Amino acid sequence: MTILRLTRFTLKPSVDQAEMLTVRAELIDAVRASYPGLAETRLAKTDDDTWLDLWRWESDETLQAAVATAPQLPQAKAAFALVADATVERLDLIEER
């Protein structure tokens, strides 16, 4: 079953969008190189401050393998150092049309 992981966050005041996008791209590349199963990512904003980062995983097993150790990647530490108020949700994808 396809799993979606949604991270909602704001940027720290000292961080600009360009920096976040660069660091996010580096994180995605590192995760894809280290863990199979990351099918796609999407980044959106709900307002001037709030970002939604949606990562689509091929299965719960591939997501769990990444979640277990990916936070130790230097790129993950760099990415999360830029954000505040991060929350994460795991979603089972039921239907697409």
PDB file of N, CA and C in Angstrom:
ATOM      1  N   MET A   1       0.843  -1.176   0.000  1.00  0.00           N
ATOM      2  CA  MET A   1       0.000   0.000   0.000  1.00  0.00           C
ATOM      3  C   MET A   1       0.888   1.240   0.000  1.00  0.00           C
ATOM      4  N   THR A   2       0.513   2.210  -0.784  1.00  0.00           N
ATOM      5  CA  THR A   2       1.227   3.487  -0.834  1.00  0.00           C
ATOM      6  C   THR A   2       0.971   4.279   0.446  1.00  0.00           C
ATOM      7  N   ILE A   3       2.044   4.852   0.965  1.00  0.00           N
ATOM      8  CA  ILE A   3       1.973   5.636   2.193  1.00  0.00           C
ATOM      9  C   ILE A   3       2.414   7.065   1.891  1.00  0.00           C
ATOM     10  N   LEU A   4       1.694   8.018   2.443  1.00  0.00           N
ATOM     11  CA  LEU A   4       2.066   9.418   2.343  1.00  0.00           C
ATOM     12  C   LEU A   4       2.535   9.898   3.708  1.00  0.00           C
ATOM     13  N   ARG A   5       3.607  10.644   3.708  1.00  0.00           N
ATOM     14  CA  ARG A   5       4.092  11.253   4.955  1.00  0.00           C
ATOM     15  C   ARG A   5       4.082  12.757   4.741  1.00  0.00           C
ATOM     16  N   LEU A   6       3.319  13.438   5.554  1.00  0.00           N
ATOM     17  CA  LEU A   6       3.128  14.876   5.427  1.00  0.00           C
ATOM     18  C   LEU A   6       3.796  15.576   6.593  1.00  0.00           C
ATOM     19  N   THR A   7       4.714  16.478   6.281  1.00  0.00           N
ATOM     20  CA  THR A   7       5.354  17.297   7.299  1.00  0.00           C
ATOM     21  C   THR A   7       4.886  18.732   7.108  1.00  0.00           C
ATOM     22  N   ARG A   8       4.309  19.289   8.157  1.00  0.00           N
ATOM     23  CA  ARG A   8       3.861  20.687   8.162  1.00  0.00           C
ATOM     24  C   ARG A   8       4.894  21.453   8.981  1.00  0.00           C
ATOM     25  N   PHE A   9       5.368  22.584   8.441  1.00  0.00           N
ATOM     26  CA  PHE A   9       6.390  23.336   9.168  1.00  0.00           C
ATOM     27  C   PHE A   9       6.362  24.810   8.784  1.00  0.00           C
ATOM     28  N   THR A  10       7.045  25.593   9.588  1.00  0.00           N
ATOM     29  CA  THR A  10       7.362  26.980   9.260  1.00  0.00           C
ATOM     30  C   THR A  10       8.876  27.101   9.249  1.00  0.00           C
ATOM     31  N   LEU A  11       9.368  28.099   8.547  1.00  0.00           N
ATOM     32  CA  LEU A  11      10.805  28.354   8.538  1.00  0.00           C
ATOM     33  C   LEU A  11      11.178  29.238   9.716  1.00  0.00           C
ATOM     34  N   LYS A  12      12.351  29.013  10.243  1.00  0.00           N
ATOM     35  CA  LYS A  12      12.864  29.917  11.270  1.00  0.00           C
ATOM     36  C   LYS A  12      13.039  31.297  10.635  1.00  0.00           C
ATOM     37  N   PRO A  13      12.907  32.359  11.414  1.00  0.00           N
ATOM     38  CA  PRO A  13      12.955  33.716  10.859  1.00  0.00           C
ATOM     39  C   PRO A  13      14.219  34.038  10.059  1.00  0.00           C
ATOM     40  N   SER A  14      15.325  33.445  10.405  1.00  0.00           N
ATOM     41  CA  SER A  14      16.582  33.757   9.726  1.00  0.00           C
ATOM     42  C   SER A  14      16.775  32.988   8.415  1.00  0.00           C
ATOM     43  N   VAL A  15      15.848  32.123   8.060  1.00  0.00           N
ATOM     44  CA  VAL A  15      15.995  31.247   6.891  1.00  0.00           C
ATOM     45  C   VAL A  15      15.148  31.777   5.734  1.00  0.00           C
ATOM     46  N   ASP A  16      15.753  31.827   4.554  1.00  0.00           N
ATOM     47  CA  ASP A  16      14.965  32.245   3.398  1.00  0.00           C
ATOM     48  C   ASP A  16      14.568  31.021   2.562  1.00  0.00           C
ATOM     49  N   GLN A  17      13.623  31.232   1.686  1.00  0.00           N
ATOM     50  CA  GLN A  17      13.065  30.148   0.887  1.00  0.00           C
ATOM     51  C   GLN A  17      14.117  29.456   0.022  1.00  0.00           C
ATOM     52  N   ALA A  18      14.988  30.204  -0.589  1.00  0.00           N
ATOM     53  CA  ALA A  18      16.008  29.620  -1.460  1.00  0.00           C
ATOM     54  C   ALA A  18      16.911  28.656  -0.694  1.00  0.00           C
ATOM     55  N   GLU A  19      17.299  29.040   0.500  1.00  0.00           N
ATOM     56  CA  GLU A  19      18.143  28.156   1.324  1.00  0.00           C
ATOM     57  C   GLU A  19      17.398  26.875   1.651  1.00  0.00           C
ATOM     58  N   MET A  20      16.146  27.002   2.060  1.00  0.00           N
ATOM     59  CA  MET A  20      15.356  25.816   2.403  1.00  0.00           C
ATOM     60  C   MET A  20      15.220  24.892   1.199  1.00  0.00           C
ATOM     61  N   LEU A  21      14.955  25.448   0.016  1.00  0.00           N
ATOM     62  CA  LEU A  21      14.785  24.616  -1.169  1.00  0.00           C
ATOM     63  C   LEU A  21      16.067  23.865  -1.527  1.00  0.00           C
ATOM     64  N   THR A  22      17.206  24.513  -1.364  1.00  0.00           N
ATOM     65  CA  THR A  22      18.485  23.860  -1.630  1.00  0.00           C
ATOM     66  C   THR A  22      18.734  22.716  -0.654  1.00  0.00           C
ATOM     67  N   VAL A  23      18.541  22.983   0.620  1.00  0.00           N
ATOM     68  CA  VAL A  23      18.773  21.967   1.647  1.00  0.00           C
ATOM     69  C   VAL A  23      17.771  20.815   1.503  1.00  0.00           C
ATOM     70  N   ARG A  24      16.529  21.132   1.174  1.00  0.00           N
ATOM     71  CA  ARG A  24      15.500  20.093   0.960  1.00  0.00           C
ATOM     72  C   ARG A  24      15.901  19.188  -0.205  1.00  0.00           C
ATOM     73  N   ALA A  25      16.365  19.758  -1.305  1.00  0.00           N
ATOM     74  CA  ALA A  25      16.788  18.958  -2.460  1.00  0.00           C
ATOM     75  C   ALA A  25      17.936  18.027  -2.094  1.00  0.00           C
ATOM     76  N   GLU A  26      18.867  18.520  -1.300  1.00  0.00           N
ATOM     77  CA  GLU A  26      19.983  17.686  -0.850  1.00  0.00           C
ATOM     78  C   GLU A  26      19.477  16.535   0.023  1.00  0.00           C
ATOM     79  N   LEU A  27      18.496  16.820   0.871  1.00  0.00           N
ATOM     80  CA  LEU A  27      17.923  15.769   1.710  1.00  0.00           C
ATOM     81  C   LEU A  27      17.226  14.717   0.858  1.00  0.00           C
ATOM     82  N   ILE A  28      16.433  15.134  -0.090  1.00  0.00           N
ATOM     83  CA  ILE A  28      15.727  14.176  -0.951  1.00  0.00           C
ATOM     84  C   ILE A  28      16.730  13.299  -1.689  1.00  0.00           C
ATOM     85  N   ASP A  29      17.775  13.888  -2.241  1.00  0.00           N
ATOM     86  CA  ASP A  29      18.806  13.108  -2.936  1.00  0.00           C
ATOM     87  C   ASP A  29      19.458  12.096  -2.000  1.00  0.00           C
ATOM     88  N   ALA A  30      19.764  12.502  -0.785  1.00  0.00           N
ATOM     89  CA  ALA A  30      20.409  11.604   0.176  1.00  0.00           C
ATOM     90  C   ALA A  30      19.477  10.462   0.576  1.00  0.00           C
ATOM     91  N   VAL A  31      18.208  10.770   0.798  1.00  0.00           N
ATOM     92  CA  VAL A  31      17.245   9.724   1.163  1.00  0.00           C
ATOM     93  C   VAL A  31      17.084   8.738   0.013  1.00  0.00           C
ATOM     94  N   ARG A  32      16.951   9.234  -1.191  1.00  0.00           N
ATOM     95  CA  ARG A  32      16.800   8.334  -2.348  1.00  0.00           C
ATOM     96  C   ARG A  32      18.036   7.459  -2.547  1.00  0.00           C
ATOM     97  N   ALA A  33      19.206   7.993  -2.270  1.00  0.00           N
ATOM     98  CA  ALA A  33      20.433   7.213  -2.414  1.00  0.00           C
ATOM     99  C   ALA A  33      20.572   6.149  -1.325  1.00  0.00           C
ATOM    100  N   SER A  34      19.967   6.392  -0.177  1.00  0.00           N
ATOM    101  CA  SER A  34      20.140   5.499   0.970  1.00  0.00           C
ATOM    102  C   SER A  34      18.989   4.529   1.193  1.00  0.00           C
ATOM    103  N   TYR A  35      17.798   4.889   0.739  1.00  0.00           N
ATOM    104  CA  TYR A  35      16.600   4.096   1.032  1.00  0.00           C
ATOM    105  C   TYR A  35      15.765   3.935  -0.223  1.00  0.00           C
ATOM    106  N   PRO A  36      15.430   2.702  -0.587  1.00  0.00           N
ATOM    107  CA  PRO A  36      14.538   2.517  -1.727  1.00  0.00           C
ATOM    108  C   PRO A  36      13.102   2.872  -1.322  1.00  0.00           C
ATOM    109  N   GLY A  37      12.303   3.235  -2.299  1.00  0.00           N
ATOM    110  CA  GLY A  37      10.884   3.367  -2.029  1.00  0.00           C
ATOM    111  C   GLY A  37      10.319   4.763  -1.978  1.00  0.00           C
ATOM    112  N   LEU A  38      11.162   5.794  -2.033  1.00  0.00           N
ATOM    113  CA  LEU A  38      10.630   7.157  -2.076  1.00  0.00           C
ATOM    114  C   LEU A  38      10.224   7.450  -3.521  1.00  0.00           C
ATOM    115  N   ALA A  39       8.921   7.467  -3.771  1.00  0.00           N
ATOM    116  CA  ALA A  39       8.406   7.578  -5.131  1.00  0.00           C
ATOM    117  C   ALA A  39       8.346   9.015  -5.628  1.00  0.00           C
ATOM    118  N   GLU A  40       7.946   9.939  -4.777  1.00  0.00           N
ATOM    119  CA  GLU A  40       7.853  11.338  -5.188  1.00  0.00           C
ATOM    120  C   GLU A  40       7.748  12.227  -3.959  1.00  0.00           C
ATOM    121  N   THR A  41       8.028  13.503  -4.180  1.00  0.00           N
ATOM    122  CA  THR A  41       7.856  14.504  -3.128  1.00  0.00           C
ATOM    123  C   THR A  41       7.143  15.702  -3.741  1.00  0.00           C
ATOM    124  N   ARG A  42       6.410  16.399  -2.897  1.00  0.00           N
ATOM    125  CA  ARG A  42       5.733  17.625  -3.315  1.00  0.00           C
ATOM    126  C   ARG A  42       5.802  18.609  -2.168  1.00  0.00           C
ATOM    127  N   LEU A  43       6.016  19.865  -2.511  1.00  0.00           N
ATOM    128  CA  LEU A  43       6.106  20.922  -1.511  1.00  0.00           C
ATOM    129  C   LEU A  43       5.084  21.992  -1.861  1.00  0.00           C
ATOM    130  N   ALA A  44       4.324  22.420  -0.852  1.00  0.00           N
ATOM    131  CA  ALA A  44       3.292  23.433  -1.063  1.00  0.00           C
ATOM    132  C   ALA A  44       3.252  24.370   0.141  1.00  0.00           C
ATOM    133  N   LYS A  45       2.593  25.499  -0.049  1.00  0.00           N
ATOM    134  CA  LYS A  45       2.396  26.455   1.041  1.00  0.00           C
ATOM    135  C   LYS A  45       0.899  26.645   1.257  1.00  0.00           C
ATOM    136  N   THR A  46       0.519  26.796   2.513  1.00  0.00           N
ATOM    137  CA  THR A  46      -0.881  27.079   2.810  1.00  0.00           C
ATOM    138  C   THR A  46      -1.114  28.558   3.040  1.00  0.00           C
ATOM    139  N   ASP A  47      -0.054  29.260   3.413  1.00  0.00           N
ATOM    140  CA  ASP A  47      -0.110  30.709   3.617  1.00  0.00           C
ATOM    141  C   ASP A  47       1.322  31.234   3.558  1.00  0.00           C
ATOM    142  N   ASP A  48       1.552  32.433   3.969  1.00  0.00           N
ATOM    143  CA  ASP A  48       2.897  33.012   3.881  1.00  0.00           C
ATOM    144  C   ASP A  48       3.935  32.283   4.730  1.00  0.00           C
ATOM    145  N   ASP A  49       3.490  31.599   5.762  1.00  0.00           N
ATOM    146  CA  ASP A  49       4.434  30.997   6.710  1.00  0.00           C
ATOM    147  C   ASP A  49       4.438  29.475   6.750  1.00  0.00           C
ATOM    148  N   THR A  50       3.363  28.835   6.372  1.00  0.00           N
ATOM    149  CA  THR A  50       3.209  27.400   6.598  1.00  0.00           C
ATOM    150  C   THR A  50       3.452  26.600   5.318  1.00  0.00           C
ATOM    151  N   TRP A  51       4.331  25.633   5.445  1.00  0.00           N
ATOM    152  CA  TRP A  51       4.704  24.753   4.330  1.00  0.00           C
ATOM    153  C   TRP A  51       4.172  23.348   4.585  1.00  0.00           C
ATOM    154  N   LEU A  52       3.837  22.636   3.512  1.00  0.00           N
ATOM    155  CA  LEU A  52       3.448  21.231   3.569  1.00  0.00           C
ATOM    156  C   LEU A  52       4.389  20.463   2.650  1.00  0.00           C
ATOM    157  N   ASP A  53       5.081  19.494   3.206  1.00  0.00           N
ATOM    158  CA  ASP A  53       6.026  18.682   2.437  1.00  0.00           C
ATOM    159  C   ASP A  53       5.501  17.253   2.426  1.00  0.00           C
ATOM    160  N   LEU A  54       5.054  16.793   1.276  1.00  0.00           N
ATOM    161  CA  LEU A  54       4.428  15.481   1.138  1.00  0.00           C
ATOM    162  C   LEU A  54       5.390  14.538   0.425  1.00  0.00           C
ATOM    163  N   TRP A  55       5.694  13.435   1.082  1.00  0.00           N
ATOM    164  CA  TRP A  55       6.562  12.419   0.500  1.00  0.00           C
ATOM    165  C   TRP A  55       5.752  11.146   0.318  1.00  0.00           C
ATOM    166  N   ARG A  56       5.812  10.596  -0.868  1.00  0.00           N
ATOM    167  CA  ARG A  56       5.051   9.384  -1.212  1.00  0.00           C
ATOM    168  C   ARG A  56       6.003   8.193  -1.196  1.00  0.00           C
ATOM    169  N   TRP A  57       5.647   7.205  -0.386  1.00  0.00           N
ATOM    170  CA  TRP A  57       6.462   5.999  -0.240  1.00  0.00           C
ATOM    171  C   TRP A  57       5.728   4.807  -0.837  1.00  0.00           C
ATOM    172  N   GLU A  58       6.478   3.874  -1.400  1.00  0.00           N
ATOM    173  CA  GLU A  58       5.887   2.705  -2.045  1.00  0.00           C
ATOM    174  C   GLU A  58       5.183   1.780  -1.056  1.00  0.00           C
ATOM    175  N   SER A  59       5.662   1.751   0.179  1.00  0.00           N
ATOM    176  CA  SER A  59       5.053   0.873   1.181  1.00  0.00           C
ATOM    177  C   SER A  59       5.400   1.363   2.580  1.00  0.00           C
ATOM    178  N   ASP A  60       4.686   0.841   3.557  1.00  0.00           N
ATOM    179  CA  ASP A  60       4.989   1.183   4.945  1.00  0.00           C
ATOM    180  C   ASP A  60       6.371   0.674   5.335  1.00  0.00           C
ATOM    181  N   GLU A  61       6.759  -0.471   4.797  1.00  0.00           N
ATOM    182  CA  GLU A  61       8.072  -1.033   5.124  1.00  0.00           C
ATOM    183  C   GLU A  61       9.197  -0.098   4.664  1.00  0.00           C
ATOM    184  N   THR A  62       9.071   0.461   3.457  1.00  0.00           N
ATOM    185  CA  THR A  62      10.123   1.341   2.974  1.00  0.00           C
ATOM    186  C   THR A  62      10.155   2.649   3.778  1.00  0.00           C
ATOM    187  N   LEU A  63       8.983   3.145   4.148  1.00  0.00           N
ATOM    188  CA  LEU A  63       8.931   4.345   4.987  1.00  0.00           C
ATOM    189  C   LEU A  63       9.554   4.069   6.348  1.00  0.00           C
ATOM    190  N   GLN A  64       9.181   2.984   6.977  1.00  0.00           N
ATOM    191  CA  GLN A  64       9.691   2.682   8.314  1.00  0.00           C
ATOM    192  C   GLN A  64      11.202   2.481   8.323  1.00  0.00           C
ATOM    193  N   ALA A  65      11.732   1.874   7.273  1.00  0.00           N
ATOM    194  CA  ALA A  65      13.184   1.704   7.186  1.00  0.00           C
ATOM    195  C   ALA A  65      13.878   3.063   7.142  1.00  0.00           C
ATOM    196  N   ALA A  66      13.316   3.986   6.403  1.00  0.00           N
ATOM    197  CA  ALA A  66      13.903   5.328   6.323  1.00  0.00           C
ATOM    198  C   ALA A  66      13.734   6.087   7.629  1.00  0.00           C
ATOM    199  N   VAL A  67      12.563   6.016   8.214  1.00  0.00           N
ATOM    200  CA  VAL A  67      12.289   6.750   9.457  1.00  0.00           C
ATOM    201  C   VAL A  67      13.216   6.279  10.585  1.00  0.00           C
ATOM    202  N   ALA A  68      13.578   5.011  10.551  1.00  0.00           N
ATOM    203  CA  ALA A  68      14.401   4.456  11.621  1.00  0.00           C
ATOM    204  C   ALA A  68      15.792   5.088  11.694  1.00  0.00           C
ATOM    205  N   THR A  69      16.363   5.435  10.546  1.00  0.00           N
ATOM    206  CA  THR A  69      17.745   5.930  10.582  1.00  0.00           C
ATOM    207  C   THR A  69      17.990   7.215   9.795  1.00  0.00           C
ATOM    208  N   ALA A  70      17.091   7.608   8.927  1.00  0.00           N
ATOM    209  CA  ALA A  70      17.310   8.815   8.117  1.00  0.00           C
ATOM    210  C   ALA A  70      17.525  10.079   8.940  1.00  0.00           C
ATOM    211  N   PRO A  71      16.903  10.227  10.123  1.00  0.00           N
ATOM    212  CA  PRO A  71      17.170  11.444  10.900  1.00  0.00           C
ATOM    213  C   PRO A  71      18.644  11.635  11.260  1.00  0.00           C
ATOM    214  N   GLN A  72      19.440  10.576  11.165  1.00  0.00           N
ATOM    215  CA  GLN A  72      20.865  10.687  11.460  1.00  0.00           C
ATOM    216  C   GLN A  72      21.686  11.171  10.271  1.00  0.00           C
ATOM    217  N   LEU A  73      21.066  11.229   9.080  1.00  0.00           N
ATOM    218  CA  LEU A  73      21.782  11.742   7.912  1.00  0.00           C
ATOM    219  C   LEU A  73      22.145  13.212   8.136  1.00  0.00           C
ATOM    220  N   PRO A  74      23.334  13.631   7.749  1.00  0.00           N
ATOM    221  CA  PRO A  74      23.700  15.047   7.881  1.00  0.00           C
ATOM    222  C   PRO A  74      22.713  15.968   7.160  1.00  0.00           C
ATOM    223  N   GLN A  75      22.183  15.505   6.028  1.00  0.00           N
ATOM    224  CA  GLN A  75      21.235  16.322   5.264  1.00  0.00           C
ATOM    225  C   GLN A  75      19.915  16.484   6.010  1.00  0.00           C
ATOM    226  N   ALA A  76      19.501  15.469   6.755  1.00  0.00           N
ATOM    227  CA  ALA A  76      18.273  15.573   7.558  1.00  0.00           C
ATOM    228  C   ALA A  76      18.486  16.549   8.707  1.00  0.00           C
ATOM    229  N   LYS A  77      19.616  16.455   9.351  1.00  0.00           N
ATOM    230  CA  LYS A  77      19.907  17.384  10.446  1.00  0.00           C
ATOM    231  C   LYS A  77      19.943  18.818   9.932  1.00  0.00           C
ATOM    232  N   ALA A  78      20.543  19.024   8.756  1.00  0.00           N
ATOM    233  CA  ALA A  78      20.607  20.367   8.179  1.00  0.00           C
ATOM    234  C   ALA A  78      19.216  20.881   7.824  1.00  0.00           C
ATOM    235  N   ALA A  79      18.383  20.017   7.275  1.00  0.00           N
ATOM    236  CA  ALA A  79      17.032  20.431   6.882  1.00  0.00           C
ATOM    237  C   ALA A  79      16.191  20.799   8.098  1.00  0.00           C
ATOM    238  N   PHE A  80      16.209  19.974   9.106  1.00  0.00           N
ATOM    239  CA  PHE A  80      15.370  20.251  10.275  1.00  0.00           C
ATOM    240  C   PHE A  80      15.908  21.390  11.131  1.00  0.00           C
ATOM    241  N   ALA A  81      17.161  21.760  10.939  1.00  0.00           N
ATOM    242  CA  ALA A  81      17.698  22.926  11.641  1.00  0.00           C
ATOM    243  C   ALA A  81      17.099  24.232  11.103  1.00  0.00           C
ATOM    244  N   LEU A  82      16.507  24.177   9.924  1.00  0.00           N
ATOM    245  CA  LEU A  82      15.934  25.376   9.301  1.00  0.00           C
ATOM    246  C   LEU A  82      14.476  25.624   9.666  1.00  0.00           C
ATOM    247  N   VAL A  83      13.827  24.615  10.248  1.00  0.00           N
ATOM    248  CA  VAL A  83      12.379  24.716  10.436  1.00  0.00           C
ATOM    249  C   VAL A  83      11.988  24.809  11.900  1.00  0.00           C
ATOM    250  N   ALA A  84      10.774  25.312  12.096  1.00  0.00           N
ATOM    251  CA  ALA A  84      10.184  25.401  13.429  1.00  0.00           C
ATOM    252  C   ALA A  84       8.794  24.790  13.356  1.00  0.00           C
ATOM    253  N   ASP A  85       8.302  24.382  14.498  1.00  0.00           N
ATOM    254  CA  ASP A  85       6.924  23.897  14.601  1.00  0.00           C
ATOM    255  C   ASP A  85       6.605  22.774  13.625  1.00  0.00           C
ATOM    256  N   ALA A  86       7.517  21.840  13.426  1.00  0.00           N
ATOM    257  CA  ALA A  86       7.273  20.744  12.497  1.00  0.00           C
ATOM    258  C   ALA A  86       6.378  19.687  13.135  1.00  0.00           C
ATOM    259  N   THR A  87       5.389  19.258  12.372  1.00  0.00           N
ATOM    260  CA  THR A  87       4.539  18.133  12.763  1.00  0.00           C
ATOM    261  C   THR A  87       4.487  17.165  11.593  1.00  0.00           C
ATOM    262  N   VAL A  88       4.317  15.893  11.908  1.00  0.00           N
ATOM    263  CA  VAL A  88       4.334  14.860  10.877  1.00  0.00           C
ATOM    264  C   VAL A  88       3.068  14.021  10.983  1.00  0.00           C
ATOM    265  N   GLU A  89       2.511  13.686   9.816  1.00  0.00           N
ATOM    266  CA  GLU A  89       1.368  12.782   9.752  1.00  0.00           C
ATOM    267  C   GLU A  89       1.678  11.681   8.749  1.00  0.00           C
ATOM    268  N   ARG A  90       1.228  10.476   9.060  1.00  0.00           N
ATOM    269  CA  ARG A  90       1.357   9.330   8.160  1.00  0.00           C
ATOM    270  C   ARG A  90      -0.034   9.025   7.638  1.00  0.00           C
ATOM    271  N   LEU A  91      -0.154   8.864   6.323  1.00  0.00           N
ATOM    272  CA  LEU A  91      -1.462   8.648   5.709  1.00  0.00           C
ATOM    273  C   LEU A  91      -1.422   7.430   4.802  1.00  0.00           C
ATOM    274  N   ASP A  92      -2.426   6.581   4.857  1.00  0.00           N
ATOM    275  CA  ASP A  92      -2.574   5.482   3.913  1.00  0.00           C
ATOM    276  C   ASP A  92      -3.325   6.008   2.704  1.00  0.00           C
ATOM    277  N   LEU A  93      -2.731   5.882   1.532  1.00  0.00           N
ATOM    278  CA  LEU A  93      -3.405   6.326   0.306  1.00  0.00           C
ATOM    279  C   LEU A  93      -4.449   5.285  -0.062  1.00  0.00           C
ATOM    280  N   ILE A  94      -5.697   5.674  -0.107  1.00  0.00           N
ATOM    281  CA  ILE A  94      -6.805   4.762  -0.366  1.00  0.00           C
ATOM    282  C   ILE A  94      -7.188   4.750  -1.844  1.00  0.00           C
ATOM    283  N   GLU A  95      -7.242   5.929  -2.438  1.00  0.00           N
ATOM    284  CA  GLU A  95      -7.705   5.984  -3.818  1.00  0.00           C
ATOM    285  C   GLU A  95      -7.088   7.172  -4.537  1.00  0.00           C
ATOM    286  N   GLU A  96      -6.799   6.973  -5.809  1.00  0.00           N
ATOM    287  CA  GLU A  96      -6.368   8.047  -6.696  1.00  0.00           C
ATOM    288  C   GLU A  96      -7.207   7.969  -7.952  1.00  0.00           C
ATOM    289  N   ARG A  97      -7.487   9.093  -8.534  1.00  0.00           N
ATOM    290  CA  ARG A  97      -8.222   9.104  -9.805  1.00  0.00           C
ATOM    291  C   ARG A  97      -7.541  10.027 -10.769  1.00  0.00           C
TER     292      ARG A  97
END
